[in-house]
């Protein structure tokens, strides 16, 4: 599920960059991923489901650390 999420975010980043006439970059992509992570983290805290929601992000967070 996380891989699908990452691929969709990458496609969204490319589309966003083309619309703004800027070159896609890894920095922009990672910023979008971070924004999505922060939103999911906030929603999980609101619903008291933090552990369940963040399980899918564990491998990515380990890789980026």
N, C-alpha and C. Protein backbone atom coordinates (compact mmCIF):
# COMPACT_ATOMS: atom_id res chain seq x y z
N UNK A 1 0.82 -1.19 0.00
CA UNK A 1 0.00 0.00 0.00
C UNK A 1 0.87 1.26 0.00
N UNK A 2 1.98 1.21 0.72
CA UNK A 2 2.85 2.38 0.77
C UNK A 2 3.47 2.64 -0.60
N UNK A 3 3.85 1.57 -1.30
CA UNK A 3 4.46 1.74 -2.61
C UNK A 3 3.49 2.43 -3.57
N UNK A 4 2.24 2.04 -3.54
CA UNK A 4 1.22 2.68 -4.37
C UNK A 4 1.10 4.16 -4.01
N UNK A 5 1.13 4.44 -2.74
CA UNK A 5 1.03 5.82 -2.26
C UNK A 5 2.22 6.65 -2.76
N UNK A 6 3.41 6.06 -2.72
CA UNK A 6 4.61 6.75 -3.17
C UNK A 6 4.56 7.01 -4.67
N UNK A 7 4.11 6.02 -5.44
CA UNK A 7 4.02 6.18 -6.90
C UNK A 7 3.01 7.28 -7.25
N UNK A 8 1.88 7.28 -6.60
CA UNK A 8 0.87 8.31 -6.87
C UNK A 8 1.39 9.70 -6.48
N UNK A 9 2.12 9.79 -5.40
CA UNK A 9 2.70 11.06 -4.99
C UNK A 9 3.75 11.52 -6.00
N UNK A 10 4.53 10.60 -6.53
CA UNK A 10 5.51 10.94 -7.56
C UNK A 10 4.82 11.49 -8.81
N UNK A 11 3.76 10.83 -9.24
CA UNK A 11 3.01 11.30 -10.41
C UNK A 11 2.42 12.67 -10.15
N UNK A 12 1.89 12.88 -8.96
CA UNK A 12 1.32 14.17 -8.60
C UNK A 12 2.39 15.25 -8.60
N UNK A 13 3.57 14.93 -8.11
CA UNK A 13 4.67 15.88 -8.08
C UNK A 13 5.10 16.27 -9.49
N UNK A 14 5.19 15.27 -10.38
CA UNK A 14 5.55 15.56 -11.77
C UNK A 14 4.50 16.45 -12.42
N UNK A 15 3.22 16.15 -12.20
CA UNK A 15 2.15 16.97 -12.76
C UNK A 15 2.22 18.40 -12.23
N UNK A 16 2.43 18.52 -10.92
CA UNK A 16 2.53 19.84 -10.28
C UNK A 16 3.68 20.64 -10.90
N UNK A 17 4.82 20.00 -11.06
CA UNK A 17 5.99 20.68 -11.62
C UNK A 17 5.76 21.10 -13.06
N UNK A 18 5.13 20.25 -13.85
CA UNK A 18 4.84 20.62 -15.24
C UNK A 18 3.89 21.80 -15.31
N UNK A 19 2.89 21.82 -14.44
CA UNK A 19 1.95 22.94 -14.42
C UNK A 19 2.64 24.25 -14.07
N UNK A 20 3.62 24.18 -13.17
CA UNK A 20 4.33 25.38 -12.74
C UNK A 20 5.56 25.68 -13.59
N UNK A 21 5.80 24.85 -14.61
CA UNK A 21 6.95 24.99 -15.51
C UNK A 21 8.28 24.98 -14.76
N UNK A 22 8.38 24.05 -13.81
CA UNK A 22 9.65 23.87 -13.11
C UNK A 22 10.08 22.42 -13.27
N UNK A 23 11.36 22.19 -13.13
CA UNK A 23 11.89 20.83 -13.26
C UNK A 23 11.56 20.02 -12.02
N UNK A 24 11.03 18.81 -12.19
CA UNK A 24 10.77 17.95 -11.03
C UNK A 24 12.09 17.63 -10.33
N UNK A 25 12.04 17.54 -9.03
CA UNK A 25 13.25 17.20 -8.28
C UNK A 25 12.90 16.32 -7.10
N UNK A 26 13.92 15.66 -6.61
CA UNK A 26 13.74 14.79 -5.45
C UNK A 26 13.35 15.61 -4.22
N UNK A 27 13.84 16.80 -4.12
CA UNK A 27 13.53 17.66 -2.97
C UNK A 27 12.03 17.99 -2.93
N UNK A 28 11.48 18.32 -4.08
CA UNK A 28 10.04 18.63 -4.16
C UNK A 28 9.23 17.38 -3.83
N UNK A 29 9.64 16.24 -4.38
CA UNK A 29 8.95 14.98 -4.13
C UNK A 29 8.95 14.64 -2.64
N UNK A 30 10.11 14.75 -2.00
CA UNK A 30 10.19 14.45 -0.57
C UNK A 30 9.38 15.43 0.27
N UNK A 31 9.30 16.68 -0.17
CA UNK A 31 8.48 17.66 0.54
C UNK A 31 7.00 17.27 0.46
N UNK A 32 6.56 16.79 -0.70
CA UNK A 32 5.17 16.34 -0.83
C UNK A 32 4.91 15.12 0.06
N UNK A 33 5.85 14.17 0.07
CA UNK A 33 5.69 13.01 0.94
C UNK A 33 5.61 13.41 2.40
N UNK A 34 6.46 14.35 2.78
CA UNK A 34 6.46 14.80 4.18
C UNK A 34 5.14 15.47 4.54
N UNK A 35 4.60 16.26 3.61
CA UNK A 35 3.32 16.92 3.84
C UNK A 35 2.21 15.89 4.04
N UNK A 36 2.20 14.86 3.22
CA UNK A 36 1.20 13.80 3.33
C UNK A 36 1.36 13.05 4.65
N UNK A 37 2.60 12.75 5.02
CA UNK A 37 2.86 12.07 6.28
C UNK A 37 2.35 12.89 7.45
N UNK A 38 2.64 14.19 7.44
CA UNK A 38 2.20 15.06 8.54
C UNK A 38 0.67 15.11 8.63
N UNK A 39 -0.01 15.14 7.47
CA UNK A 39 -1.47 15.15 7.48
C UNK A 39 -2.01 13.85 8.06
N UNK A 40 -1.45 12.71 7.63
CA UNK A 40 -1.91 11.42 8.16
C UNK A 40 -1.61 11.30 9.65
N UNK A 41 -0.47 11.81 10.06
CA UNK A 41 -0.11 11.78 11.48
C UNK A 41 -1.12 12.60 12.30
N UNK A 42 -1.47 13.78 11.82
CA UNK A 42 -2.44 14.62 12.51
C UNK A 42 -3.80 13.93 12.62
N UNK A 43 -4.25 13.35 11.48
CA UNK A 43 -5.55 12.67 11.50
C UNK A 43 -5.54 11.46 12.43
N UNK A 44 -4.43 10.74 12.46
CA UNK A 44 -4.33 9.58 13.34
C UNK A 44 -4.37 10.00 14.80
N UNK A 45 -3.73 11.11 15.13
CA UNK A 45 -3.76 11.60 16.51
C UNK A 45 -5.17 12.01 16.90
N UNK A 46 -5.87 12.64 15.96
CA UNK A 46 -7.25 13.06 16.25
C UNK A 46 -8.16 11.86 16.52
N UNK A 47 -7.91 10.75 15.82
CA UNK A 47 -8.75 9.57 15.97
C UNK A 47 -8.16 8.54 16.94
N UNK A 48 -7.07 8.90 17.60
CA UNK A 48 -6.37 8.00 18.52
C UNK A 48 -6.00 6.67 17.86
N UNK A 49 -5.56 6.73 16.60
CA UNK A 49 -5.15 5.55 15.85
C UNK A 49 -3.71 5.71 15.36
N UNK A 50 -2.89 6.37 16.13
CA UNK A 50 -1.54 6.70 15.69
C UNK A 50 -0.73 5.47 15.30
N UNK A 51 -0.75 4.43 16.11
CA UNK A 51 0.03 3.23 15.82
C UNK A 51 -0.44 2.54 14.55
N UNK A 52 -1.75 2.45 14.37
CA UNK A 52 -2.29 1.78 13.18
C UNK A 52 -1.95 2.54 11.90
N UNK A 53 -2.06 3.84 11.92
CA UNK A 53 -1.84 4.65 10.73
C UNK A 53 -0.37 4.75 10.34
N UNK A 54 0.50 4.77 11.32
CA UNK A 54 1.91 5.01 11.03
C UNK A 54 2.69 3.73 10.71
N UNK A 55 2.05 2.57 10.86
CA UNK A 55 2.73 1.32 10.54
C UNK A 55 3.19 1.29 9.09
N UNK A 56 2.37 1.81 8.18
CA UNK A 56 2.73 1.76 6.76
C UNK A 56 3.91 2.67 6.43
N UNK A 57 4.18 3.67 7.26
CA UNK A 57 5.25 4.61 7.01
C UNK A 57 6.58 4.17 7.63
N UNK A 58 6.56 3.13 8.47
CA UNK A 58 7.77 2.75 9.21
C UNK A 58 8.97 2.48 8.31
N UNK A 59 8.78 1.67 7.26
CA UNK A 59 9.91 1.31 6.39
C UNK A 59 10.46 2.53 5.68
N UNK A 60 9.60 3.41 5.25
CA UNK A 60 10.06 4.62 4.57
C UNK A 60 10.82 5.53 5.54
N UNK A 61 10.31 5.67 6.73
CA UNK A 61 10.99 6.51 7.73
C UNK A 61 12.35 5.94 8.09
N UNK A 62 12.46 4.61 8.17
CA UNK A 62 13.75 3.98 8.44
C UNK A 62 14.73 4.25 7.30
N UNK A 63 14.25 4.17 6.07
CA UNK A 63 15.11 4.37 4.90
C UNK A 63 15.60 5.82 4.80
N UNK A 64 14.76 6.75 5.21
CA UNK A 64 15.13 8.16 5.12
C UNK A 64 15.98 8.63 6.28
N UNK A 65 16.02 7.86 7.35
CA UNK A 65 16.80 8.26 8.53
C UNK A 65 18.28 7.97 8.36
